[in-house]
């Protein structure tokens, strides 16, 4: 909860709030996977990709970035 009410530099508060309000593990897992791996069309628009071969590496970069930010958030919870 500290992340939700924390400093304005914490990104993704809305997504985290939605995750906490969902009922059931299946709904939470589905939502989390949709955030981590959005549609290829979204990836092309969001990251300005011009070919289909760029989508795979973009997914990996996105996953790595979100995991890093998630780890930093968890550390802030216990700091």
PDB file of N, CA and C in Angstrom:
ATOM      1  N   UNK A   1       0.820  -1.181   0.000  1.00  0.00           N
ATOM      2  CA  UNK A   1       0.000   0.000   0.000  1.00  0.00           C
ATOM      3  C   UNK A   1       0.869   1.253   0.000  1.00  0.00           C
ATOM      4  N   UNK A   2       2.078   1.147   0.538  1.00  0.00           N
ATOM      5  CA  UNK A   2       2.958   2.315   0.533  1.00  0.00           C
ATOM      6  C   UNK A   2       3.291   2.749  -0.879  1.00  0.00           C
ATOM      7  N   UNK A   3       3.389   1.793  -1.815  1.00  0.00           N
ATOM      8  CA  UNK A   3       3.670   2.153  -3.205  1.00  0.00           C
ATOM      9  C   UNK A   3       2.526   2.967  -3.792  1.00  0.00           C
ATOM     10  N   UNK A   4       1.299   2.624  -3.438  1.00  0.00           N
ATOM     11  CA  UNK A   4       0.150   3.341  -3.979  1.00  0.00           C
ATOM     12  C   UNK A   4       0.086   4.765  -3.454  1.00  0.00           C
ATOM     13  N   UNK A   5       0.463   4.963  -2.206  1.00  0.00           N
ATOM     14  CA  UNK A   5       0.386   6.283  -1.606  1.00  0.00           C
ATOM     15  C   UNK A   5       1.737   6.982  -1.591  1.00  0.00           C
ATOM     16  N   UNK A   6       2.723   6.360  -2.189  1.00  0.00           N
ATOM     17  CA  UNK A   6       4.091   6.858  -2.118  1.00  0.00           C
ATOM     18  C   UNK A   6       4.356   8.091  -2.962  1.00  0.00           C
ATOM     19  N   UNK A   7       5.605   8.318  -3.167  1.00  0.00           N
ATOM     20  CA  UNK A   7       6.075   9.489  -3.907  1.00  0.00           C
ATOM     21  C   UNK A   7       5.565   9.474  -5.337  1.00  0.00           C
ATOM     22  N   UNK A   8       5.486  10.665  -5.954  1.00  0.00           N
ATOM     23  CA  UNK A   8       4.986  10.734  -7.327  1.00  0.00           C
ATOM     24  C   UNK A   8       5.907  10.082  -8.353  1.00  0.00           C
ATOM     25  N   UNK A   9       7.132   9.739  -7.966  1.00  0.00           N
ATOM     26  CA  UNK A   9       8.049   9.116  -8.920  1.00  0.00           C
ATOM     27  C   UNK A   9       7.776   7.628  -9.101  1.00  0.00           C
ATOM     28  N   UNK A  10       6.877   7.058  -8.311  1.00  0.00           N
ATOM     29  CA  UNK A  10       6.527   5.645  -8.460  1.00  0.00           C
ATOM     30  C   UNK A  10       5.593   5.512  -9.651  1.00  0.00           C
ATOM     31  N   UNK A  11       6.025   4.794 -10.658  1.00  0.00           N
ATOM     32  CA  UNK A  11       5.244   4.637 -11.884  1.00  0.00           C
ATOM     33  C   UNK A  11       4.420   3.363 -11.799  1.00  0.00           C
ATOM     34  N   UNK A  12       3.272   3.371 -12.448  1.00  0.00           N
ATOM     35  CA  UNK A  12       2.454   2.176 -12.511  1.00  0.00           C
ATOM     36  C   UNK A  12       1.488   2.010 -11.356  1.00  0.00           C
ATOM     37  N   UNK A  13       1.208   3.087 -10.626  1.00  0.00           N
ATOM     38  CA  UNK A  13       0.309   2.977  -9.488  1.00  0.00           C
ATOM     39  C   UNK A  13      -1.083   2.535  -9.903  1.00  0.00           C
ATOM     40  N   UNK A  14      -1.544   3.010 -11.052  1.00  0.00           N
ATOM     41  CA  UNK A  14      -2.885   2.642 -11.496  1.00  0.00           C
ATOM     42  C   UNK A  14      -2.978   1.149 -11.787  1.00  0.00           C
ATOM     43  N   UNK A  15      -1.990   0.623 -12.468  1.00  0.00           N
ATOM     44  CA  UNK A  15      -1.979  -0.808 -12.782  1.00  0.00           C
ATOM     45  C   UNK A  15      -1.911  -1.648 -11.520  1.00  0.00           C
ATOM     46  N   UNK A  16      -1.137  -1.200 -10.555  1.00  0.00           N
ATOM     47  CA  UNK A  16      -1.019  -1.918  -9.304  1.00  0.00           C
ATOM     48  C   UNK A  16      -2.338  -1.875  -8.530  1.00  0.00           C
ATOM     49  N   UNK A  17      -2.997  -0.734  -8.543  1.00  0.00           N
ATOM     50  CA  UNK A  17      -4.285  -0.613  -7.856  1.00  0.00           C
ATOM     51  C   UNK A  17      -5.326  -1.535  -8.482  1.00  0.00           C
ATOM     52  N   UNK A  18      -5.355  -1.602  -9.811  1.00  0.00           N
ATOM     53  CA  UNK A  18      -6.294  -2.505 -10.484  1.00  0.00           C
ATOM     54  C   UNK A  18      -5.993  -3.948 -10.114  1.00  0.00           C
ATOM     55  N   UNK A  19      -4.731  -4.302 -10.094  1.00  0.00           N
ATOM     56  CA  UNK A  19      -4.341  -5.670  -9.739  1.00  0.00           C
ATOM     57  C   UNK A  19      -4.845  -6.039  -8.348  1.00  0.00           C
ATOM     58  N   UNK A  20      -4.731  -5.115  -7.391  1.00  0.00           N
ATOM     59  CA  UNK A  20      -5.175  -5.392  -6.029  1.00  0.00           C
ATOM     60  C   UNK A  20      -6.692  -5.472  -5.902  1.00  0.00           C
ATOM     61  N   UNK A  21      -7.419  -4.832  -6.795  1.00  0.00           N
ATOM     62  CA  UNK A  21      -8.879  -4.850  -6.683  1.00  0.00           C
ATOM     63  C   UNK A  21      -9.517  -6.046  -7.382  1.00  0.00           C
ATOM     64  N   UNK A  22      -8.782  -6.717  -8.241  1.00  0.00           N
ATOM     65  CA  UNK A  22      -9.336  -7.889  -8.925  1.00  0.00           C
ATOM     66  C   UNK A  22      -9.564  -9.025  -7.939  1.00  0.00           C
ATOM     67  N   UNK A  23     -10.650  -9.741  -8.131  1.00  0.00           N
ATOM     68  CA  UNK A  23     -10.986 -10.870  -7.270  1.00  0.00           C
ATOM     69  C   UNK A  23     -10.512 -12.171  -7.915  1.00  0.00           C
ATOM     70  N   UNK A  24      -9.842 -12.987  -7.166  1.00  0.00           N
ATOM     71  CA  UNK A  24      -9.414 -14.297  -7.646  1.00  0.00           C
ATOM     72  C   UNK A  24      -8.032 -14.281  -8.277  1.00  0.00           C
ATOM     73  N   UNK A  25      -7.319 -15.349  -8.065  1.00  0.00           N
ATOM     74  CA  UNK A  25      -5.951 -15.469  -8.576  1.00  0.00           C
ATOM     75  C   UNK A  25      -5.928 -15.577 -10.095  1.00  0.00           C
ATOM     76  N   UNK A  26      -6.946 -16.239 -10.664  1.00  0.00           N
ATOM     77  CA  UNK A  26      -6.993 -16.395 -12.118  1.00  0.00           C
ATOM     78  C   UNK A  26      -7.119 -15.033 -12.816  1.00  0.00           C
ATOM     79  N   UNK A  27      -7.977 -14.152 -12.306  1.00  0.00           N
ATOM     80  CA  UNK A  27      -8.155 -12.816 -12.886  1.00  0.00           C
ATOM     81  C   UNK A  27      -6.884 -11.983 -12.714  1.00  0.00           C
ATOM     82  N   UNK A  28      -6.247 -12.093 -11.551  1.00  0.00           N
ATOM     83  CA  UNK A  28      -5.008 -11.348 -11.307  1.00  0.00           C
ATOM     84  C   UNK A  28      -3.891 -11.817 -12.230  1.00  0.00           C
ATOM     85  N   UNK A  29      -3.790 -13.124 -12.408  1.00  0.00           N
ATOM     86  CA  UNK A  29      -2.755 -13.668 -13.287  1.00  0.00           C
ATOM     87  C   UNK A  29      -2.990 -13.248 -14.735  1.00  0.00           C
ATOM     88  N   UNK A  30      -4.236 -13.311 -15.175  1.00  0.00           N
ATOM     89  CA  UNK A  30      -4.567 -12.908 -16.545  1.00  0.00           C
ATOM     90  C   UNK A  30      -4.239 -11.441 -16.779  1.00  0.00           C
ATOM     91  N   UNK A  31      -4.561 -10.590 -15.817  1.00  0.00           N
ATOM     92  CA  UNK A  31      -4.274  -9.159 -15.928  1.00  0.00           C
ATOM     93  C   UNK A  31      -2.759  -8.909 -15.951  1.00  0.00           C
ATOM     94  N   UNK A  32      -2.036  -9.570 -15.057  1.00  0.00           N
ATOM     95  CA  UNK A  32      -0.590  -9.384 -15.004  1.00  0.00           C
ATOM     96  C   UNK A  32       0.073  -9.826 -16.308  1.00  0.00           C
ATOM     97  N   UNK A  33      -0.361 -10.933 -16.856  1.00  0.00           N
ATOM     98  CA  UNK A  33       0.207 -11.405 -18.130  1.00  0.00           C
ATOM     99  C   UNK A  33      -0.124 -10.447 -19.272  1.00  0.00           C
ATOM    100  N   UNK A  34      -1.328  -9.870 -19.243  1.00  0.00           N
ATOM    101  CA  UNK A  34      -1.688  -8.890 -20.284  1.00  0.00           C
ATOM    102  C   UNK A  34      -0.825  -7.640 -20.175  1.00  0.00           C
ATOM    103  N   UNK A  35      -0.443  -7.253 -18.967  1.00  0.00           N
ATOM    104  CA  UNK A  35       0.449  -6.104 -18.802  1.00  0.00           C
ATOM    105  C   UNK A  35       1.862  -6.421 -19.267  1.00  0.00           C
ATOM    106  N   UNK A  36       2.327  -7.613 -18.951  1.00  0.00           N
ATOM    107  CA  UNK A  36       3.683  -7.996 -19.331  1.00  0.00           C
ATOM    108  C   UNK A  36       3.810  -8.261 -20.826  1.00  0.00           C
ATOM    109  N   UNK A  37       2.780  -8.879 -21.399  1.00  0.00           N
ATOM    110  CA  UNK A  37       2.836  -9.269 -22.802  1.00  0.00           C
ATOM    111  C   UNK A  37       1.592  -8.774 -23.543  1.00  0.00           C
ATOM    112  N   UNK A  38       1.534  -7.472 -23.844  1.00  0.00           N
ATOM    113  CA  UNK A  38       0.390  -6.950 -24.596  1.00  0.00           C
ATOM    114  C   UNK A  38       0.418  -7.460 -26.038  1.00  0.00           C
ATOM    115  N   UNK A  39      -0.608  -7.126 -26.789  1.00  0.00           N
ATOM    116  CA  UNK A  39      -0.712  -7.601 -28.165  1.00  0.00           C
ATOM    117  C   UNK A  39       0.431  -7.053 -29.022  1.00  0.00           C
ATOM    118  N   UNK A  40       0.800  -7.782 -30.075  1.00  0.00           N
ATOM    119  CA  UNK A  40       1.839  -7.292 -30.987  1.00  0.00           C
ATOM    120  C   UNK A  40       1.478  -5.942 -31.602  1.00  0.00           C
ATOM    121  N   UNK A  41       0.190  -5.701 -31.849  1.00  0.00           N
ATOM    122  CA  UNK A  41      -0.227  -4.412 -32.403  1.00  0.00           C
ATOM    123  C   UNK A  41       0.080  -3.279 -31.426  1.00  0.00           C
ATOM    124  N   UNK A  42      -0.193  -3.502 -30.140  1.00  0.00           N
ATOM    125  CA  UNK A  42       0.130  -2.510 -29.126  1.00  0.00           C
ATOM    126  C   UNK A  42       1.629  -2.256 -29.085  1.00  0.00           C
ATOM    127  N   UNK A  43       2.401  -3.319 -29.140  1.00  0.00           N
ATOM    128  CA  UNK A  43       3.854  -3.178 -29.088  1.00  0.00           C
ATOM    129  C   UNK A  43       4.365  -2.348 -30.256  1.00  0.00           C
ATOM    130  N   UNK A  44       3.816  -2.595 -31.446  1.00  0.00           N
ATOM    131  CA  UNK A  44       4.243  -1.828 -32.624  1.00  0.00           C
ATOM    132  C   UNK A  44       3.922  -0.353 -32.473  1.00  0.00           C
ATOM    133  N   UNK A  45       2.726  -0.049 -31.970  1.00  0.00           N
ATOM    134  CA  UNK A  45       2.326   1.345 -31.787  1.00  0.00           C
ATOM    135  C   UNK A  45       3.098   2.015 -30.656  1.00  0.00           C
ATOM    136  N   UNK A  46       3.195   1.337 -29.534  1.00  0.00           N
ATOM    137  CA  UNK A  46       3.821   1.914 -28.343  1.00  0.00           C
ATOM    138  C   UNK A  46       5.309   2.177 -28.537  1.00  0.00           C
ATOM    139  N   UNK A  47       5.996   1.260 -29.198  1.00  0.00           N
ATOM    140  CA  UNK A  47       7.440   1.363 -29.338  1.00  0.00           C
ATOM    141  C   UNK A  47       7.898   1.758 -30.736  1.00  0.00           C
ATOM    142  N   UNK A  48       6.962   2.050 -31.630  1.00  0.00           N
ATOM    143  CA  UNK A  48       7.324   2.503 -32.965  1.00  0.00           C
ATOM    144  C   UNK A  48       8.063   1.466 -33.780  1.00  0.00           C
ATOM    145  N   UNK A  49       7.677   0.213 -33.657  1.00  0.00           N
ATOM    146  CA  UNK A  49       8.344  -0.856 -34.385  1.00  0.00           C
ATOM    147  C   UNK A  49       7.855  -0.869 -35.830  1.00  0.00           C
ATOM    148  N   UNK A  50       8.761  -1.198 -36.736  1.00  0.00           N
ATOM    149  CA  UNK A  50       8.408  -1.176 -38.152  1.00  0.00           C
ATOM    150  C   UNK A  50       8.287  -2.564 -38.770  1.00  0.00           C
ATOM    151  N   UNK A  51       8.779  -3.578 -38.076  1.00  0.00           N
ATOM    152  CA  UNK A  51       8.667  -4.929 -38.636  1.00  0.00           C
ATOM    153  C   UNK A  51       8.311  -5.924 -37.540  1.00  0.00           C
ATOM    154  N   UNK A  52       7.798  -7.058 -37.961  1.00  0.00           N
ATOM    155  CA  UNK A  52       7.415  -8.102 -37.021  1.00  0.00           C
ATOM    156  C   UNK A  52       8.585  -8.717 -36.286  1.00  0.00           C
ATOM    157  N   UNK A  53       9.769  -8.665 -36.882  1.00  0.00           N
ATOM    158  CA  UNK A  53      10.941  -9.251 -36.234  1.00  0.00           C
ATOM    159  C   UNK A  53      11.413  -8.431 -35.038  1.00  0.00           C
ATOM    160  N   UNK A  54      10.965  -7.194 -34.935  1.00  0.00           N
ATOM    161  CA  UNK A  54      11.349  -6.346 -33.807  1.00  0.00           C
ATOM    162  C   UNK A  54      10.485  -6.590 -32.573  1.00  0.00           C
ATOM    163  N   UNK A  55       9.357  -7.265 -32.742  1.00  0.00           N
ATOM    164  CA  UNK A  55       8.413  -7.444 -31.643  1.00  0.00           C
ATOM    165  C   UNK A  55       8.980  -8.350 -30.555  1.00  0.00           C
ATOM    166  N   UNK A  56       9.596  -9.455 -30.911  1.00  0.00           N
ATOM    167  CA  UNK A  56      10.168 -10.378 -29.923  1.00  0.00           C
ATOM    168  C   UNK A  56      11.179  -9.714 -29.011  1.00  0.00           C
ATOM    169  N   UNK A  57      12.205  -9.055 -29.566  1.00  0.00           N
ATOM    170  CA  UNK A  57      13.156  -8.354 -28.698  1.00  0.00           C
ATOM    171  C   UNK A  57      12.504  -7.244 -27.870  1.00  0.00           C
ATOM    172  N   UNK A  58      11.473  -6.606 -28.410  1.00  0.00           N
ATOM    173  CA  UNK A  58      10.776  -5.560 -27.648  1.00  0.00           C
ATOM    174  C   UNK A  58      10.061  -6.160 -26.443  1.00  0.00           C
ATOM    175  N   UNK A  59       9.478  -7.359 -26.618  1.00  0.00           N
ATOM    176  CA  UNK A  59       8.858  -8.052 -25.486  1.00  0.00           C
ATOM    177  C   UNK A  59       9.899  -8.350 -24.408  1.00  0.00           C
ATOM    178  N   UNK A  60      11.064  -8.803 -24.816  1.00  0.00           N
ATOM    179  CA  UNK A  60      12.124  -9.108 -23.846  1.00  0.00           C
ATOM    180  C   UNK A  60      12.575  -7.857 -23.100  1.00  0.00           C
ATOM    181  N   UNK A  61      12.746  -6.755 -23.821  1.00  0.00           N
ATOM    182  CA  UNK A  61      13.137  -5.498 -23.170  1.00  0.00           C
ATOM    183  C   UNK A  61      12.055  -5.037 -22.202  1.00  0.00           C
ATOM    184  N   UNK A  62      10.802  -5.138 -22.626  1.00  0.00           N
ATOM    185  CA  UNK A  62       9.684  -4.732 -21.769  1.00  0.00           C
ATOM    186  C   UNK A  62       9.637  -5.602 -20.511  1.00  0.00           C
ATOM    187  N   UNK A  63       9.761  -6.899 -20.666  1.00  0.00           N
ATOM    188  CA  UNK A  63       9.741  -7.807 -19.535  1.00  0.00           C
ATOM    189  C   UNK A  63      10.866  -7.494 -18.561  1.00  0.00           C
ATOM    190  N   UNK A  64      12.078  -7.304 -19.095  1.00  0.00           N
ATOM    191  CA  UNK A  64      13.235  -6.989 -18.257  1.00  0.00           C
ATOM    192  C   UNK A  64      13.027  -5.682 -17.498  1.00  0.00           C
ATOM    193  N   UNK A  65      12.525  -4.659 -18.187  1.00  0.00           N
ATOM    194  CA  UNK A  65      12.285  -3.368 -17.556  1.00  0.00           C
ATOM    195  C   UNK A  65      11.242  -3.485 -16.441  1.00  0.00           C
ATOM    196  N   UNK A  66      10.119  -4.161 -16.707  1.00  0.00           N
ATOM    197  CA  UNK A  66       9.067  -4.289 -15.712  1.00  0.00           C
ATOM    198  C   UNK A  66       9.513  -5.117 -14.510  1.00  0.00           C
ATOM    199  N   UNK A  67      10.300  -6.153 -14.748  1.00  0.00           N
ATOM    200  CA  UNK A  67      10.816  -6.949 -13.634  1.00  0.00           C
ATOM    201  C   UNK A  67      11.771  -6.117 -12.779  1.00  0.00           C
ATOM    202  N   UNK A  68      12.611  -5.330 -13.420  1.00  0.00           N
ATOM    203  CA  UNK A  68      13.549  -4.477 -12.680  1.00  0.00           C
ATOM    204  C   UNK A  68      12.781  -3.468 -11.832  1.00  0.00           C
ATOM    205  N   UNK A  69      11.787  -2.828 -12.430  1.00  0.00           N
ATOM    206  CA  UNK A  69      10.987  -1.853 -11.684  1.00  0.00           C
ATOM    207  C   UNK A  69      10.217  -2.531 -10.556  1.00  0.00           C
ATOM    208  N   UNK A  70       9.714  -3.737 -10.805  1.00  0.00           N
ATOM    209  CA  UNK A  70       9.022  -4.487  -9.770  1.00  0.00           C
ATOM    210  C   UNK A  70       9.935  -4.828  -8.602  1.00  0.00           C
ATOM    211  N   UNK A  71      11.147  -5.230  -8.909  1.00  0.00           N
ATOM    212  CA  UNK A  71      12.118  -5.545  -7.850  1.00  0.00           C
ATOM    213  C   UNK A  71      12.448  -4.296  -7.033  1.00  0.00           C
ATOM    214  N   UNK A  72      12.620  -3.174  -7.695  1.00  0.00           N
ATOM    215  CA  UNK A  72      12.887  -1.932  -6.976  1.00  0.00           C
ATOM    216  C   UNK A  72      11.709  -1.575  -6.076  1.00  0.00           C
ATOM    217  N   UNK A  73      10.485  -1.796  -6.552  1.00  0.00           N
ATOM    218  CA  UNK A  73       9.305  -1.520  -5.744  1.00  0.00           C
ATOM    219  C   UNK A  73       9.226  -2.404  -4.510  1.00  0.00           C
ATOM    220  N   UNK A  74       9.573  -3.677  -4.686  1.00  0.00           N
ATOM    221  CA  UNK A  74       9.563  -4.605  -3.547  1.00  0.00           C
ATOM    222  C   UNK A  74      10.608  -4.194  -2.521  1.00  0.00           C
ATOM    223  N   UNK A  75      11.769  -3.775  -2.976  1.00  0.00           N
ATOM    224  CA  UNK A  75      12.815  -3.312  -2.057  1.00  0.00           C
ATOM    225  C   UNK A  75      12.321  -2.097  -1.287  1.00  0.00           C
ATOM    226  N   UNK A  76      11.615  -1.183  -1.959  1.00  0.00           N
ATOM    227  CA  UNK A  76      11.071   0.003  -1.262  1.00  0.00           C
ATOM    228  C   UNK A  76      10.059  -0.385  -0.199  1.00  0.00           C
ATOM    229  N   UNK A  77       9.327  -1.470  -0.411  1.00  0.00           N
ATOM    230  CA  UNK A  77       8.363  -1.901   0.589  1.00  0.00           C
ATOM    231  C   UNK A  77       9.035  -2.289   1.900  1.00  0.00           C
ATOM    232  N   UNK A  78      10.215  -2.873   1.799  1.00  0.00           N
ATOM    233  CA  UNK A  78      10.910  -3.361   2.993  1.00  0.00           C
ATOM    234  C   UNK A  78      11.983  -2.410   3.490  1.00  0.00           C
ATOM    235  N   UNK A  79      12.189  -1.311   2.812  1.00  0.00           N
ATOM    236  CA  UNK A  79      13.234  -0.349   3.222  1.00  0.00           C
ATOM    237  C   UNK A  79      12.682   0.643   4.227  1.00  0.00           C
TER     238      UNK A  79
END
